[in-house]
Amino acid sequence: MTPPASPNPSISVITPCLNGARYIGEAIDSVVSQGCADAEHIVADGGSTDGTLDILASHPHLKFQSAPDQGMYDALNGALARARGGVIGILNCDDCYAEDVFLPILELFRDGSVMAVAGRAATFRVDTAPAGDALTAAPAAAGGDAIFRSTLGDPSINAWFFRASVFERIGRFDSAYRIAGDREFMLRFALSGLRYVDTDRLICRYRAHAGSATFGGNEEIWHAILREHGRMTGHYLASAVVPGPARDLIKRARIRDTLSGALYSVSRHDLRQVLWYAAAGTRYDPVWPARFARRAFGVLARKIGLRDERGRVS
């Protein structure tokens, strides 16, 4: 049974959506099944034309608005402005929450010093496993450095919940990003020093499918992600207030991404992309060309059989 909308929600779930009819019903059901009577679910639809709006309209407890936007993070910001819950969760329209998540999370927020809670995320592929079967599971943020997760690791923002005041203190999402805005927000949160706690509880199940921006394997999207990572790391490396340990992680992330992008571009004979990654990499790492040469030699050596997959000489 669908619960009525709560006048004073304890938690607000925000779902950005555009033509998500195939999976959004499961996302909605995963919120309803939490059994949290005072939860609020807001769907920010970017103007779907595939039947999504009919699905949304069939759930009277939802708050949704359908209008063109400037991308996912612009949609999220609009929904954040309408959210009334004291705790905010973000759920993609093609993902779903695990069972029995909300009440334990809200219990952790009873400590007024806790500004965010981080849990585990799992990924499953729709073509090989049902939603209940996780193929991979990210570790909890415990002992885990939030800065590491937002640079070299996986931020898994759908497995986090934030006190609503976090968005007032550090700002909302930067809508100039189209794909990597969640990583930039997570890095901003990590650098803020606001207290978070972790739970070993599974929070979110990410769905890997061909239409996913993260898991779809689209070459153009992959390059767009790397370029946005480059913009993000460049911004923070240019800042004088980023502490040394964080700066080192940000620099390592930039080196990793620019090397990966350049090597892939070489394999595609795309000189323009190679030069872009080389310039981005060298800007904050003078020895980047040497790193690239070493990595490229390793790839070539494996191809012609001089080294095995572990890099050992054959």
Protein backbone atom coordinates (compact mmCIF):
# COMPACT_ATOMS: atom_id res chain seq x y z
CA MET A 1 0.00 0.00 0.00
CA THR A 2 1.35 3.41 -0.99
CA PRO A 3 1.71 5.72 2.03
CA PRO A 4 0.24 9.24 2.04
CA ALA A 5 2.61 12.17 1.76
CA SER A 6 3.92 13.23 5.15
CA PRO A 7 3.49 16.91 6.14
CA ASN A 8 6.72 16.73 8.18
CA PRO A 9 9.04 14.20 6.57
CA SER A 10 12.07 12.97 8.46
CA ILE A 11 13.80 11.95 5.25
CA SER A 12 13.59 13.16 1.66
CA VAL A 13 14.68 10.96 -1.23
CA ILE A 14 15.48 12.78 -4.45
CA THR A 15 15.45 10.99 -7.80
CA PRO A 16 16.59 12.69 -11.03
CA CYS A 17 14.95 11.16 -14.07
CA LEU A 18 14.73 11.42 -17.84
CA ASN A 19 12.95 8.69 -19.82
CA GLY A 20 13.35 6.19 -17.00
CA ALA A 21 10.13 4.22 -17.53
CA ARG A 22 11.93 0.88 -17.72
CA TYR A 23 13.21 0.91 -14.14
CA ILE A 24 11.77 3.81 -12.16
CA GLY A 25 8.90 1.72 -10.81
CA GLU A 26 11.42 -0.46 -8.98
CA ALA A 27 13.16 2.62 -7.59
CA ILE A 28 9.85 3.95 -6.26
CA ASP A 29 8.90 0.58 -4.76
CA SER A 30 12.27 0.34 -2.99
CA VAL A 31 11.46 3.61 -1.18
CA VAL A 32 7.90 2.61 -0.32
CA SER A 33 9.01 -0.78 0.98
CA GLN A 34 11.18 0.88 3.64
CA GLY A 35 8.06 1.23 5.77
CA CYS A 36 9.03 4.74 6.82
CA ALA A 37 5.69 6.55 7.02
CA ASP A 38 7.19 10.04 7.11
CA ALA A 39 9.51 9.65 4.12
CA GLU A 40 9.19 12.07 1.22
CA HIS A 41 10.07 11.04 -2.34
CA ILE A 42 10.70 13.79 -4.91
CA VAL A 43 11.25 12.95 -8.58
CA ALA A 44 12.87 15.64 -10.72
CA ASP A 45 11.90 14.72 -14.27
CA GLY A 46 13.64 16.47 -17.16
CA GLY A 47 10.73 16.13 -19.62
CA SER A 48 10.32 12.40 -20.23
CA THR A 49 8.46 11.18 -23.32
CA ASP A 50 8.60 7.41 -22.80
CA GLY A 51 5.74 6.80 -20.37
CA THR A 52 7.64 7.81 -17.24
CA LEU A 53 5.08 10.51 -16.40
CA ASP A 54 2.23 7.97 -16.44
CA ILE A 55 4.13 5.82 -13.95
CA LEU A 56 4.81 8.81 -11.71
CA ALA A 57 1.19 9.91 -11.84
CA SER A 58 0.09 6.45 -10.69
CA HIS A 59 1.88 7.02 -7.36
CA PRO A 60 -0.04 9.83 -5.65
CA HIS A 61 2.41 10.02 -2.73
CA LEU A 62 5.21 11.23 -5.04
CA LYS A 63 6.15 14.82 -5.50
CA PHE A 64 7.26 15.29 -9.06
CA GLN A 65 7.75 18.04 -11.55
CA SER A 66 8.48 17.53 -15.23
CA ALA A 67 10.24 20.32 -17.10
CA PRO A 68 13.39 20.75 -19.20
CA ASP A 69 16.49 21.27 -17.10
CA GLN A 70 20.21 21.87 -17.56
CA GLY A 71 21.18 18.32 -16.67
CA MET A 72 21.00 15.93 -13.74
CA TYR A 73 22.67 18.22 -11.19
CA ASP A 74 20.44 21.14 -12.08
CA ALA A 75 17.48 18.79 -11.53
CA LEU A 76 18.88 17.67 -8.18
CA ASN A 77 19.37 21.26 -7.06
CA GLY A 78 15.78 22.09 -7.94
CA ALA A 79 14.54 19.11 -5.93
CA LEU A 80 16.78 20.02 -2.99
CA ALA A 81 15.12 23.43 -2.89
CA ARG A 82 11.73 21.71 -2.49
CA ALA A 83 12.81 18.99 -0.03
CA ARG A 84 11.51 19.33 3.53
CA GLY A 85 13.14 16.35 5.20
CA GLY A 86 15.88 16.74 7.76
CA VAL A 87 17.89 14.00 6.04
CA ILE A 88 18.50 13.77 2.28
CA GLY A 89 19.08 10.63 0.20
CA ILE A 90 19.75 10.54 -3.55
CA LEU A 91 18.51 7.61 -5.64
CA ASN A 92 18.95 7.27 -9.40
CA CYS A 93 15.87 6.25 -11.36
CA ASP A 94 17.48 2.97 -12.48
CA ASP A 95 18.78 1.94 -9.04
CA CYS A 96 17.08 0.82 -5.85
CA TYR A 97 17.53 0.83 -2.10
CA ALA A 98 18.24 -2.38 -0.23
CA GLU A 99 15.77 -3.58 2.38
CA ASP A 100 15.43 -2.02 5.83
CA VAL A 101 17.63 1.02 5.25
CA PHE A 102 15.81 4.14 6.42
CA LEU A 103 15.06 3.44 10.08
CA PRO A 104 18.62 2.35 10.99
CA ILE A 105 19.99 5.37 9.11
CA LEU A 106 17.67 7.77 10.94
CA GLU A 107 18.75 6.20 14.22
CA LEU A 108 22.37 7.15 13.47
CA PHE A 109 21.29 10.73 12.83
CA ARG A 110 19.93 10.95 16.40
CA ASP A 111 23.47 12.05 17.23
CA GLY A 112 23.31 15.74 16.36
CA SER A 113 27.00 15.90 15.48
CA VAL A 114 26.59 13.42 12.61
CA MET A 115 26.25 15.27 9.33
CA ALA A 116 26.26 12.27 6.99
CA VAL A 117 26.05 8.49 7.03
CA ALA A 118 27.84 6.26 4.52
CA GLY A 119 26.98 2.65 3.78
CA ARG A 120 27.80 -0.02 1.23
CA ALA A 121 26.75 -0.14 -2.41
CA ALA A 122 26.42 -3.17 -4.66
CA THR A 123 26.27 -3.42 -8.43
CA PHE A 124 24.30 -5.93 -10.45
CA ARG A 125 23.90 -6.46 -14.19
CA VAL A 126 20.39 -6.80 -15.55
CA ASP A 127 21.49 -9.30 -18.21
CA THR A 128 23.17 -11.72 -15.80
CA ALA A 129 21.54 -11.48 -12.40
CA PRO A 130 18.26 -10.49 -10.73
CA ALA A 131 18.20 -7.35 -8.64
CA GLY A 132 18.76 -9.29 -5.46
CA ASP A 133 22.08 -10.76 -6.59
CA ALA A 134 25.00 -8.40 -6.15
CA LEU A 135 27.93 -8.92 -8.47
CA THR A 136 30.23 -6.46 -6.75
CA ALA A 137 30.03 -4.72 -3.40
CA ALA A 138 31.92 -1.58 -2.45
CA PRO A 139 33.28 -1.51 1.10
CA ALA A 140 31.77 0.82 3.63
CA ALA A 141 33.48 4.16 4.03
CA ALA A 142 34.65 2.99 7.38
CA GLY A 143 38.15 3.63 8.11
CA GLY A 144 37.82 4.77 4.69
CA ASP A 145 38.96 8.13 3.89
CA ALA A 146 36.20 10.20 2.30
CA ILE A 147 38.81 12.12 0.30
CA PHE A 148 40.21 8.87 -1.09
CA ARG A 149 36.74 7.68 -2.09
CA SER A 150 36.03 10.95 -3.91
CA THR A 151 39.33 10.92 -5.81
CA LEU A 152 40.84 7.49 -6.43
CA GLY A 153 37.90 5.47 -5.13
CA ASP A 154 34.18 5.28 -5.78
CA PRO A 155 32.08 7.96 -4.06
CA SER A 156 28.86 5.87 -4.38
CA ILE A 157 26.73 8.87 -3.43
CA ASN A 158 23.52 6.81 -3.54
CA ALA A 159 24.85 4.91 -0.50
CA TRP A 160 25.14 8.15 1.50
CA PHE A 161 22.59 10.18 3.44
CA PHE A 162 23.22 13.82 4.37
CA ARG A 163 21.72 16.11 6.93
CA ALA A 164 19.83 18.78 4.97
CA SER A 165 21.96 21.51 6.52
CA VAL A 166 25.03 20.10 4.72
CA PHE A 167 23.76 21.59 1.47
CA GLU A 168 23.37 24.96 3.17
CA ARG A 169 26.89 24.84 4.60
CA ILE A 170 28.90 23.64 1.59
CA GLY A 171 26.51 24.37 -1.27
CA ARG A 172 24.49 22.21 -3.61
CA PHE A 173 25.72 20.43 -6.73
CA ASP A 174 27.75 22.31 -9.33
CA SER A 175 25.49 22.14 -12.38
CA ALA A 176 28.41 23.04 -14.66
CA TYR A 177 29.24 19.32 -14.45
CA ARG A 178 27.13 16.97 -16.53
CA ILE A 179 28.35 13.60 -15.25
CA ALA A 180 30.89 14.02 -12.43
CA GLY A 181 29.03 16.50 -10.23
CA ASP A 182 28.43 13.90 -7.53
CA ARG A 183 32.17 13.20 -7.26
CA GLU A 184 32.90 16.94 -7.03
CA PHE A 185 30.26 17.35 -4.32
CA MET A 186 31.67 14.40 -2.38
CA LEU A 187 35.18 15.88 -2.57
CA ARG A 188 33.83 19.20 -1.35
CA PHE A 189 32.12 17.42 1.53
CA ALA A 190 35.29 15.49 2.38
CA LEU A 191 37.37 18.67 2.42
CA SER A 192 34.81 20.42 4.63
CA GLY A 193 35.75 18.24 7.59
CA LEU A 194 32.09 17.70 8.52
CA ARG A 195 31.62 14.57 10.60
CA TYR A 196 30.22 11.44 9.02
CA VAL A 197 29.80 7.90 10.31
CA ASP A 198 29.73 4.64 8.45
CA THR A 199 27.57 1.59 8.59
CA ASP A 200 28.30 -1.84 7.17
CA ARG A 201 24.69 -2.04 6.05
CA LEU A 202 24.02 -2.43 2.32
CA ILE A 203 22.27 0.78 1.27
CA CYS A 204 22.00 0.92 -2.51
CA ARG A 205 21.99 -1.47 -5.45
CA TYR A 206 23.36 0.11 -8.61
CA ARG A 207 22.01 -1.34 -11.83
CA ALA A 208 24.58 -1.80 -14.64
CA HIS A 209 22.91 -1.67 -18.04
CA ALA A 210 23.58 -0.43 -21.54
CA GLY A 211 21.78 2.88 -21.01
CA SER A 212 23.64 3.76 -17.82
CA ALA A 213 25.94 6.79 -17.96
CA THR A 214 28.25 5.12 -15.45
CA PHE A 215 28.15 1.50 -16.59
CA GLY A 216 27.04 1.73 -20.22
CA GLY A 217 30.51 1.50 -21.73
CA ASN A 218 29.95 4.45 -24.05
CA GLU A 219 33.31 5.79 -25.26
CA GLU A 220 32.07 9.37 -25.62
CA ILE A 221 30.67 9.38 -22.07
CA TRP A 222 33.89 7.85 -20.73
CA HIS A 223 35.96 10.67 -22.25
CA ALA A 224 33.46 13.21 -20.93
CA ILE A 225 33.86 11.77 -17.42
CA LEU A 226 37.66 11.95 -17.65
CA ARG A 227 37.50 15.54 -18.88
CA GLU A 228 35.21 16.54 -16.03
CA HIS A 229 37.54 14.80 -13.60
CA GLY A 230 40.32 16.89 -15.14
CA ARG A 231 38.35 20.08 -14.58
CA MET A 232 37.62 19.06 -10.98
CA THR A 233 41.18 18.08 -10.09
CA GLY A 234 42.57 21.19 -11.80
CA HIS A 235 40.26 23.38 -9.74
CA TYR A 236 41.32 21.88 -6.43
CA LEU A 237 45.02 21.65 -7.28
CA ALA A 238 44.93 25.38 -8.06
CA SER A 239 43.49 26.09 -4.62
CA ALA A 240 45.89 27.18 -1.90
CA VAL A 241 43.66 25.91 0.90
CA VAL A 242 43.66 22.19 0.00
CA PRO A 243 45.84 20.37 2.58
CA GLY A 244 48.88 18.38 1.49
CA PRO A 245 47.53 14.81 1.91
CA ALA A 246 44.38 15.68 -0.02
CA ARG A 247 46.40 17.42 -2.70
CA ASP A 248 48.50 14.27 -3.17
CA LEU A 249 45.37 12.14 -3.69
CA ILE A 250 43.88 14.66 -6.10
CA LYS A 251 47.13 14.73 -8.07
CA ARG A 252 47.25 10.93 -8.19
CA ALA A 253 43.71 10.84 -9.50
CA ARG A 254 44.60 13.34 -12.23
CA ILE A 255 47.67 11.32 -13.24
CA ARG A 256 45.66 8.10 -13.36
CA ASP A 257 42.85 9.58 -15.44
CA THR A 258 45.05 11.42 -17.92
CA LEU A 259 47.27 8.38 -18.47
CA SER A 260 44.25 6.14 -19.02
CA GLY A 261 42.67 8.60 -21.43
CA ALA A 262 45.88 9.17 -23.37
CA LEU A 263 46.67 5.47 -23.72
CA TYR A 264 43.17 4.68 -24.91
CA SER A 265 43.31 7.58 -27.37
CA VAL A 266 46.58 6.24 -28.76
CA SER A 267 44.89 2.89 -29.38
CA ARG A 268 42.16 4.75 -31.28
CA HIS A 269 44.69 6.85 -33.23
CA ASP A 270 43.07 10.01 -31.86
CA LEU A 271 45.94 12.50 -31.74
CA ARG A 272 43.72 15.37 -30.63
CA GLN A 273 42.63 13.49 -27.52
CA VAL A 274 46.19 12.33 -26.81
CA LEU A 275 47.43 15.92 -26.86
CA TRP A 276 44.59 17.08 -24.59
CA TYR A 277 45.36 14.43 -21.98
CA ALA A 278 49.10 15.09 -22.26
CA ALA A 279 48.61 18.80 -21.62
CA ALA A 280 46.24 18.14 -18.71
CA GLY A 281 48.60 15.60 -17.18
CA THR A 282 51.80 17.64 -17.56
CA ARG A 283 50.25 20.77 -16.08
CA TYR A 284 50.56 19.46 -12.52
CA ASP A 285 53.08 16.65 -13.06
CA PRO A 286 56.31 17.55 -14.90
CA VAL A 287 57.31 13.89 -15.19
CA TRP A 288 53.98 12.91 -16.79
CA PRO A 289 55.61 12.32 -20.22
CA ALA A 290 58.00 9.81 -18.64
CA ARG A 291 55.11 8.07 -16.88
CA PHE A 292 53.22 7.92 -20.16
CA ALA A 293 56.22 6.51 -22.04
CA ARG A 294 56.73 3.83 -19.41
CA ARG A 295 53.07 2.87 -19.41
CA ALA A 296 52.89 2.86 -23.20
CA PHE A 297 55.98 0.65 -23.42
CA GLY A 298 54.39 -1.78 -20.97
CA VAL A 299 51.24 -2.00 -23.07
CA LEU A 300 53.26 -2.53 -26.24
CA ALA A 301 55.46 -5.16 -24.57
CA ARG A 302 52.41 -7.14 -23.53
CA LYS A 303 50.97 -6.97 -27.01
CA ILE A 304 54.08 -8.36 -28.66
CA GLY A 305 54.66 -10.91 -25.90
CA LEU A 306 57.71 -9.41 -24.18
CA ARG A 307 55.82 -9.20 -20.87
CA ASP A 308 52.96 -11.14 -19.33
CA GLU A 309 49.83 -9.52 -17.89
CA ARG A 310 51.61 -8.91 -14.56
CA GLY A 311 54.34 -6.93 -16.32
CA ARG A 312 57.05 -9.60 -15.93
CA VAL A 313 59.51 -10.15 -18.75
CA SER A 314 58.68 -13.35 -20.63
